Amino acid sequence: MANGKRKLTAAEKRARKRRREEFMTTFVNGKAKRVRRPPMVEGLPAEEFVRRNANDIWHHENGMWEFI
C-alpha cells in the first residue's frame, strides 16, 4: 500500500505562507509563472492610493500633471 502524504512542518508552513503573500501566479504563453505582487497600501495598489489621496500640489511637485 502507498503511504499518505506527510504533514508539513511549522517552518515549511511559514515559508509557504510567506511565498503566497509575496508572489502571485500568472499565465504567460500557457505556462504558469510566479511574479511578485504589486505593493499595496490599505488594500489598494500604491499608485491608485496616491492618485486618490494626493492633492494638486503633490501631483505637480512629482510631475504627475495628467492627474490634476
N, C-alpha and C. Protein backbone atom coordinates (compact mmCIF):
# COMPACT_ATOMS: atom_id res chain seq x y z
N MET A 1 0.83 -1.18 0.00
CA MET A 1 0.00 0.00 0.00
C MET A 1 0.88 1.25 0.00
N ALA A 2 0.39 2.27 -0.62
CA ALA A 2 1.12 3.53 -0.68
C ALA A 2 0.89 4.32 0.61
N ASN A 3 1.93 5.01 1.02
CA ASN A 3 1.81 5.87 2.20
C ASN A 3 1.09 7.15 1.84
N GLY A 4 0.42 7.75 2.82
CA GLY A 4 -0.26 9.03 2.60
C GLY A 4 0.75 10.17 2.57
N LYS A 5 0.28 11.34 2.22
CA LYS A 5 1.17 12.50 2.18
C LYS A 5 1.57 12.87 3.61
N ARG A 6 2.79 13.32 3.76
CA ARG A 6 3.24 13.71 5.09
C ARG A 6 2.78 15.13 5.40
N LYS A 7 2.67 15.45 6.66
CA LYS A 7 2.26 16.78 7.08
C LYS A 7 3.46 17.71 7.00
N LEU A 8 3.18 18.99 6.72
CA LEU A 8 4.24 19.99 6.66
C LEU A 8 4.67 20.38 8.06
N THR A 9 5.96 20.68 8.20
CA THR A 9 6.45 21.15 9.49
C THR A 9 6.04 22.61 9.65
N ALA A 10 6.20 23.15 10.84
CA ALA A 10 5.84 24.54 11.10
C ALA A 10 6.69 25.49 10.23
N ALA A 11 7.97 25.18 10.07
CA ALA A 11 8.84 26.03 9.25
C ALA A 11 8.41 26.00 7.78
N GLU A 12 8.01 24.84 7.29
CA GLU A 12 7.55 24.73 5.91
C GLU A 12 6.25 25.49 5.70
N LYS A 13 5.37 25.46 6.69
CA LYS A 13 4.12 26.20 6.61
C LYS A 13 4.37 27.70 6.57
N ARG A 14 5.31 28.18 7.42
CA ARG A 14 5.64 29.60 7.42
C ARG A 14 6.23 30.03 6.08
N ALA A 15 7.12 29.22 5.53
CA ALA A 15 7.73 29.55 4.25
C ALA A 15 6.69 29.58 3.13
N ARG A 16 5.76 28.65 3.16
CA ARG A 16 4.71 28.59 2.15
C ARG A 16 3.80 29.83 2.25
N LYS A 17 3.45 30.21 3.46
CA LYS A 17 2.60 31.39 3.65
C LYS A 17 3.31 32.65 3.17
N ARG A 18 4.62 32.78 3.46
CA ARG A 18 5.39 33.94 3.04
C ARG A 18 5.46 34.01 1.51
N ARG A 19 5.67 32.88 0.85
CA ARG A 19 5.71 32.85 -0.62
C ARG A 19 4.37 33.24 -1.21
N ARG A 20 3.29 32.75 -0.62
CA ARG A 20 1.96 33.09 -1.14
C ARG A 20 1.67 34.58 -1.02
N GLU A 21 2.13 35.21 0.07
CA GLU A 21 1.90 36.63 0.26
C GLU A 21 2.78 37.46 -0.67
N GLU A 22 3.96 36.96 -0.99
CA GLU A 22 4.92 37.73 -1.78
C GLU A 22 4.73 37.57 -3.28
N PHE A 23 4.31 36.40 -3.74
CA PHE A 23 4.18 36.13 -5.17
C PHE A 23 2.75 35.80 -5.55
N MET A 24 2.45 35.98 -6.85
CA MET A 24 1.17 35.53 -7.38
C MET A 24 1.46 34.79 -8.69
N THR A 25 0.53 33.97 -9.14
CA THR A 25 0.72 33.17 -10.33
C THR A 25 -0.02 33.82 -11.49
N THR A 26 0.69 34.00 -12.60
CA THR A 26 0.07 34.48 -13.83
C THR A 26 0.40 33.49 -14.94
N PHE A 27 -0.37 33.52 -16.00
CA PHE A 27 -0.13 32.61 -17.10
C PHE A 27 0.41 33.40 -18.28
N VAL A 28 1.59 32.97 -18.78
CA VAL A 28 2.23 33.60 -19.93
C VAL A 28 2.48 32.51 -20.96
N ASN A 29 1.90 32.68 -22.14
CA ASN A 29 2.03 31.68 -23.21
C ASN A 29 1.61 30.29 -22.75
N GLY A 30 0.59 30.19 -21.94
CA GLY A 30 0.08 28.91 -21.49
C GLY A 30 0.86 28.27 -20.37
N LYS A 31 1.84 28.98 -19.82
CA LYS A 31 2.64 28.44 -18.72
C LYS A 31 2.45 29.30 -17.49
N ALA A 32 2.44 28.67 -16.33
CA ALA A 32 2.29 29.41 -15.07
C ALA A 32 3.63 30.02 -14.68
N LYS A 33 3.61 31.30 -14.34
CA LYS A 33 4.81 31.99 -13.89
C LYS A 33 4.53 32.65 -12.56
N ARG A 34 5.51 32.62 -11.66
CA ARG A 34 5.37 33.32 -10.38
C ARG A 34 5.96 34.71 -10.52
N VAL A 35 5.17 35.72 -10.21
CA VAL A 35 5.64 37.11 -10.26
C VAL A 35 5.35 37.76 -8.91
N ARG A 36 6.14 38.75 -8.56
CA ARG A 36 5.93 39.46 -7.29
C ARG A 36 4.63 40.24 -7.35
N ARG A 37 3.93 40.28 -6.23
CA ARG A 37 2.70 41.05 -6.14
C ARG A 37 3.04 42.54 -6.13
N PRO A 38 2.17 43.38 -6.70
CA PRO A 38 2.41 44.82 -6.62
C PRO A 38 2.25 45.31 -5.19
N PRO A 39 2.99 46.35 -4.80
CA PRO A 39 2.86 46.86 -3.43
C PRO A 39 1.46 47.40 -3.17
N MET A 40 0.92 47.12 -1.99
CA MET A 40 -0.44 47.53 -1.64
C MET A 40 -0.40 48.47 -0.43
N VAL A 41 -1.28 49.48 -0.44
CA VAL A 41 -1.46 50.39 0.68
C VAL A 41 -2.94 50.41 1.00
N GLU A 42 -3.29 49.95 2.18
CA GLU A 42 -4.69 49.89 2.62
C GLU A 42 -5.58 49.17 1.61
N GLY A 43 -5.07 48.10 1.03
CA GLY A 43 -5.86 47.29 0.11
C GLY A 43 -5.91 47.79 -1.32
N LEU A 44 -5.26 48.91 -1.62
CA LEU A 44 -5.21 49.45 -2.98
C LEU A 44 -3.78 49.37 -3.49
N PRO A 45 -3.61 49.24 -4.81
CA PRO A 45 -2.25 49.35 -5.34
C PRO A 45 -1.68 50.73 -4.97
N ALA A 46 -0.38 50.80 -4.75
CA ALA A 46 0.25 52.03 -4.27
C ALA A 46 -0.04 53.21 -5.20
N GLU A 47 0.02 52.98 -6.52
CA GLU A 47 -0.22 54.06 -7.47
C GLU A 47 -1.65 54.59 -7.36
N GLU A 48 -2.62 53.69 -7.23
CA GLU A 48 -4.03 54.10 -7.09
C GLU A 48 -4.25 54.85 -5.79
N PHE A 49 -3.62 54.42 -4.70
CA PHE A 49 -3.74 55.10 -3.41
C PHE A 49 -3.23 56.54 -3.51
N VAL A 50 -2.08 56.72 -4.14
CA VAL A 50 -1.51 58.06 -4.30
C VAL A 50 -2.44 58.92 -5.16
N ARG A 51 -2.95 58.33 -6.25
CA ARG A 51 -3.82 59.08 -7.14
C ARG A 51 -5.07 59.58 -6.42
N ARG A 52 -5.62 58.78 -5.51
CA ARG A 52 -6.84 59.16 -4.80
C ARG A 52 -6.59 60.15 -3.66
N ASN A 53 -5.43 60.02 -2.98
CA ASN A 53 -5.22 60.78 -1.75
C ASN A 53 -4.30 61.98 -1.86
N ALA A 54 -3.59 62.13 -2.96
CA ALA A 54 -2.67 63.25 -3.09
C ALA A 54 -3.42 64.49 -3.56
N ASN A 55 -2.89 65.66 -3.17
CA ASN A 55 -3.51 66.90 -3.61
C ASN A 55 -2.81 67.41 -4.87
N ASP A 56 -3.31 68.49 -5.45
CA ASP A 56 -2.77 69.00 -6.71
C ASP A 56 -1.32 69.44 -6.58
N ILE A 57 -0.95 70.00 -5.44
CA ILE A 57 0.43 70.44 -5.25
C ILE A 57 1.38 69.24 -5.29
N TRP A 58 1.01 68.16 -4.63
CA TRP A 58 1.86 66.95 -4.63
C TRP A 58 2.00 66.40 -6.04
N HIS A 59 0.88 66.36 -6.79
CA HIS A 59 0.94 65.88 -8.17
C HIS A 59 1.89 66.75 -8.99
N HIS A 60 1.80 68.07 -8.81
CA HIS A 60 2.66 68.98 -9.57
C HIS A 60 4.13 68.79 -9.21
N GLU A 61 4.43 68.67 -7.92
CA GLU A 61 5.82 68.50 -7.48
C GLU A 61 6.44 67.21 -7.99
N ASN A 62 5.62 66.18 -8.21
CA ASN A 62 6.14 64.89 -8.65
C ASN A 62 5.91 64.63 -10.14
N GLY A 63 5.52 65.66 -10.87
CA GLY A 63 5.40 65.54 -12.33
C GLY A 63 4.24 64.70 -12.79
N MET A 64 3.17 64.62 -12.02
CA MET A 64 2.00 63.83 -12.41
C MET A 64 0.88 64.76 -12.85
N TRP A 65 1.17 65.58 -13.88
CA TRP A 65 0.23 66.62 -14.28
C TRP A 65 -1.04 66.05 -14.88
N GLU A 66 -1.01 64.84 -15.42
CA GLU A 66 -2.21 64.28 -16.02
C GLU A 66 -3.29 63.98 -15.01
N PHE A 67 -2.93 63.93 -13.71
CA PHE A 67 -3.91 63.65 -12.66
C PHE A 67 -4.50 64.91 -12.04
N ILE A 68 -4.01 66.07 -12.44
CA ILE A 68 -4.51 67.33 -11.87
C ILE A 68 -5.84 67.68 -12.52
